């Protein structure tokens, strides 16, 4: 009996180490995507600022700022979704899961992660088809294909899928599943 109990403790420690390592990978990916979002945000702010200046301060025939701002904002919002997943910071009702026992909470979170993964996986597939259809159409100002702006959907959804898998493993392998997902993810995310 002592050997079986020791094996179970060993398995738990291995699972916790795996969860910690996967959490570090999720945090590293989150760190990278967050920095990319900052770059896109800076470009967006500069573009909007330039648009205001050339429209109201110093009239110049620059017409591309509005279209660029639209595409940068789409990329920014969709890329940031994977950061929200890594930090478990998306809006959710936590009252019911927090009232459940730890083991049930662990399985409920896993089930919800599987459902979310299915949604984002479908978004990858259909988003890719949508982006391919954009190859035949051109943007109004730039004249480039809509493939690049539309590519934001499948790329971001794929990042969300990766983060969902990593976070699900991290939280499932934890000794105690987190009570509040938003708080639980914050400490781990900032340690790449």
Protein backbone atom coordinates (compact mmCIF):
# COMPACT_ATOMS: atom_id res chain seq x y z
CA UNK A 1 0.00 0.00 0.00
CA UNK A 2 2.84 2.37 0.80
CA UNK A 3 4.33 1.84 -2.68
CA UNK A 4 0.99 2.66 -4.37
CA UNK A 5 0.60 5.83 -2.28
CA UNK A 6 4.17 6.85 -3.09
CA UNK A 7 3.56 6.27 -6.82
CA UNK A 8 0.45 8.45 -6.71
CA UNK A 9 2.39 11.21 -4.98
CA UNK A 10 5.13 10.88 -7.59
CA UNK A 11 2.57 11.10 -10.39
CA UNK A 12 1.10 14.23 -8.81
CA UNK A 13 4.52 15.86 -8.60
CA UNK A 14 5.25 14.98 -12.22
CA UNK A 15 1.90 16.43 -13.30
CA UNK A 16 2.62 19.61 -11.35
CA UNK A 17 6.04 19.96 -12.98
CA UNK A 18 4.49 19.41 -16.40
CA UNK A 19 1.83 22.00 -15.57
CA UNK A 20 4.47 24.49 -14.45
CA UNK A 21 6.55 23.96 -17.59
CA UNK A 22 3.52 24.29 -19.86
CA UNK A 23 2.54 27.40 -17.89
CA UNK A 24 5.97 28.87 -18.62
CA UNK A 25 5.52 28.15 -22.33
CA UNK A 26 2.08 29.81 -22.24
CA UNK A 27 3.58 32.80 -20.42
CA UNK A 28 6.39 33.08 -22.98
CA UNK A 29 3.96 33.00 -25.89
CA UNK A 30 1.78 35.52 -24.11
CA UNK A 31 4.81 37.76 -23.54
CA UNK A 32 5.66 37.64 -27.24
CA UNK A 33 2.10 38.30 -28.43
CA UNK A 34 1.68 41.12 -25.90
CA UNK A 35 4.81 42.82 -27.27
CA UNK A 36 3.49 42.40 -30.81
CA UNK A 37 0.21 43.97 -29.70
CA UNK A 38 2.12 46.93 -28.26
CA UNK A 39 3.90 47.45 -31.60
CA UNK A 40 0.60 47.29 -33.48
CA UNK A 41 -0.97 49.69 -30.96
CA UNK A 42 1.88 52.19 -31.39
CA UNK A 43 1.47 52.00 -35.17
CA UNK A 44 -2.27 52.48 -34.77
CA UNK A 45 -1.85 55.55 -32.55
CA UNK A 46 0.71 57.09 -34.91
CA UNK A 47 -1.53 56.40 -37.90
CA UNK A 48 -4.59 57.97 -36.27
CA UNK A 49 -2.50 60.92 -35.12
CA UNK A 50 -1.22 61.43 -38.67
CA UNK A 51 -4.78 61.19 -39.97
CA UNK A 52 -5.94 63.93 -37.60
CA UNK A 53 -2.98 66.16 -38.47
CA UNK A 54 -3.42 65.87 -42.25
CA UNK A 55 -7.16 66.39 -41.99
CA UNK A 56 -7.40 69.32 -39.56
CA UNK A 57 -3.96 70.90 -39.07
CA UNK A 58 -1.95 70.60 -42.25
CA UNK A 59 -4.11 69.53 -45.18
CA UNK A 60 -2.24 66.97 -47.25
CA UNK A 61 -3.62 64.53 -49.81
CA UNK A 62 -3.07 61.48 -47.58
CA UNK A 63 -6.08 59.19 -47.74
CA UNK A 64 -4.72 55.88 -46.51
CA UNK A 65 -4.66 56.55 -42.76
CA UNK A 66 -8.28 55.55 -42.10
CA UNK A 67 -8.00 52.23 -43.90
CA UNK A 68 -4.71 51.37 -42.22
CA UNK A 69 -6.18 52.21 -38.81
CA UNK A 70 -9.10 49.85 -39.47
CA UNK A 71 -6.82 46.92 -40.34
CA UNK A 72 -4.42 47.59 -37.47
CA UNK A 73 -7.33 47.71 -35.02
CA UNK A 74 -8.68 44.39 -36.28
CA UNK A 75 -5.28 42.71 -35.95
CA UNK A 76 -4.76 44.23 -32.51
CA UNK A 77 -8.11 43.14 -31.10
CA UNK A 78 -7.89 39.61 -32.45
CA UNK A 79 -4.26 39.05 -31.40
CA UNK A 80 -5.03 40.31 -27.89
CA UNK A 81 -7.65 37.57 -27.47
CA UNK A 82 -4.90 34.96 -27.02
CA UNK A 83 -3.40 37.12 -24.24
CA UNK A 84 -6.77 37.11 -22.51
CA UNK A 85 -6.88 33.33 -22.76
CA UNK A 86 -3.35 32.93 -21.38
CA UNK A 87 -4.27 35.08 -18.38
CA UNK A 88 -7.77 33.64 -18.09
CA UNK A 89 -8.92 37.24 -18.16
CA UNK A 90 -11.93 36.93 -20.44
CA UNK A 91 -15.34 37.70 -19.06
CA UNK A 92 -16.91 34.72 -17.36
CA UNK A 93 -19.26 33.81 -14.57
CA UNK A 94 -17.03 32.43 -11.82
CA UNK A 95 -19.57 32.18 -9.00
CA UNK A 96 -20.75 28.65 -9.81
CA UNK A 97 -17.30 27.12 -10.51
CA UNK A 98 -15.88 28.71 -7.36
CA UNK A 99 -18.57 27.05 -5.25
CA UNK A 100 -17.78 23.59 -6.61
CA UNK A 101 -15.31 21.19 -5.05
CA UNK A 102 -11.78 21.33 -6.47
CA UNK A 103 -11.98 18.11 -8.49
CA UNK A 104 -15.29 19.03 -10.14
CA UNK A 105 -13.96 22.54 -10.83
CA UNK A 106 -10.91 21.02 -12.51
CA UNK A 107 -13.05 18.91 -14.87
CA UNK A 108 -15.53 21.73 -15.54
CA UNK A 109 -12.72 24.07 -16.60
CA UNK A 110 -11.32 21.35 -18.86
CA UNK A 111 -14.75 20.84 -20.45
CA UNK A 112 -15.15 24.58 -21.05
CA UNK A 113 -11.65 24.75 -22.53
CA UNK A 114 -12.52 21.91 -24.91
CA UNK A 115 -15.68 23.74 -26.02
CA UNK A 116 -13.72 26.97 -26.53
CA UNK A 117 -11.04 25.05 -28.45
CA UNK A 118 -13.73 23.67 -30.77
CA UNK A 119 -15.01 27.18 -31.42
CA UNK A 120 -11.57 28.59 -32.20
CA UNK A 121 -10.63 25.56 -34.32
CA UNK A 122 -13.77 26.12 -36.41
CA UNK A 123 -12.78 29.77 -36.65
CA UNK A 124 -9.37 28.75 -37.99
CA UNK A 125 -10.93 26.58 -40.69
CA UNK A 126 -13.67 28.99 -41.75
CA UNK A 127 -11.43 32.02 -41.27
CA UNK A 128 -8.86 30.53 -43.63
CA UNK A 129 -11.56 30.00 -46.26
CA UNK A 130 -12.71 33.57 -45.75
CA UNK A 131 -9.13 34.84 -46.13
CA UNK A 132 -8.69 32.83 -49.34
CA UNK A 133 -11.79 34.46 -50.77
CA UNK A 134 -10.15 37.80 -49.97
CA UNK A 135 -7.44 37.02 -52.53
CA UNK A 136 -9.90 37.87 -55.30
CA UNK A 137 -10.82 41.27 -53.84
CA UNK A 138 -8.68 44.39 -53.42
CA UNK A 139 -8.74 47.04 -50.72
CA UNK A 140 -10.07 50.42 -51.76
CA UNK A 141 -7.07 52.63 -51.01
CA UNK A 142 -4.06 50.31 -51.14
CA UNK A 143 -5.23 48.04 -53.90
CA UNK A 144 -3.77 45.00 -52.10
CA UNK A 145 -5.80 41.85 -51.68
CA UNK A 146 -8.03 41.48 -48.65
CA UNK A 147 -6.08 38.33 -47.77
CA UNK A 148 -3.77 40.20 -45.37
CA UNK A 149 -6.53 41.91 -43.34
CA UNK A 150 -8.71 38.78 -43.37
CA UNK A 151 -5.76 36.62 -42.29
CA UNK A 152 -6.13 38.14 -38.81
CA UNK A 153 -9.02 35.78 -38.07
CA UNK A 154 -7.37 32.38 -38.67
CA UNK A 155 -3.99 33.46 -37.29
CA UNK A 156 -5.51 34.81 -34.08
CA UNK A 157 -7.83 31.83 -33.71
CA UNK A 158 -4.86 29.46 -34.10
CA UNK A 159 -2.99 31.36 -31.38
CA UNK A 160 -6.08 31.07 -29.19
CA UNK A 161 -6.16 27.31 -29.79
CA UNK A 162 -2.52 26.97 -28.77
CA UNK A 163 -3.04 29.07 -25.64
CA UNK A 164 -6.19 27.13 -24.72
CA UNK A 165 -4.30 23.83 -24.86
CA UNK A 166 -1.41 25.21 -22.81
CA UNK A 167 -3.62 26.85 -20.20
CA UNK A 168 -5.87 23.80 -19.93
CA UNK A 169 -2.86 21.58 -19.23
CA UNK A 170 -1.42 24.13 -16.79
CA UNK A 171 -4.62 24.44 -14.79
CA UNK A 172 -5.57 20.75 -14.95
CA UNK A 173 -2.13 19.71 -13.69
CA UNK A 174 -2.16 22.21 -10.83
CA UNK A 175 -2.38 20.73 -7.36
CA UNK A 176 -5.45 22.85 -6.66
CA UNK A 177 -7.40 24.24 -9.62
CA UNK A 178 -7.58 28.02 -9.32
CA UNK A 179 -10.65 29.51 -7.70
CA UNK A 180 -10.66 32.64 -9.79
CA UNK A 181 -9.21 32.04 -13.22
CA UNK A 182 -8.41 35.69 -13.91
CA UNK A 183 -6.34 35.99 -10.73
CA UNK A 184 -4.73 32.57 -11.12
CA UNK A 185 -3.34 33.32 -14.56
CA UNK A 186 -1.88 36.75 -13.77
CA UNK A 187 0.92 35.54 -11.49
CA UNK A 188 2.09 32.89 -13.93
CA UNK A 189 1.84 34.99 -17.07
CA UNK A 190 4.45 37.56 -16.08
CA UNK A 191 7.16 34.94 -15.49
CA UNK A 192 8.43 33.88 -18.94
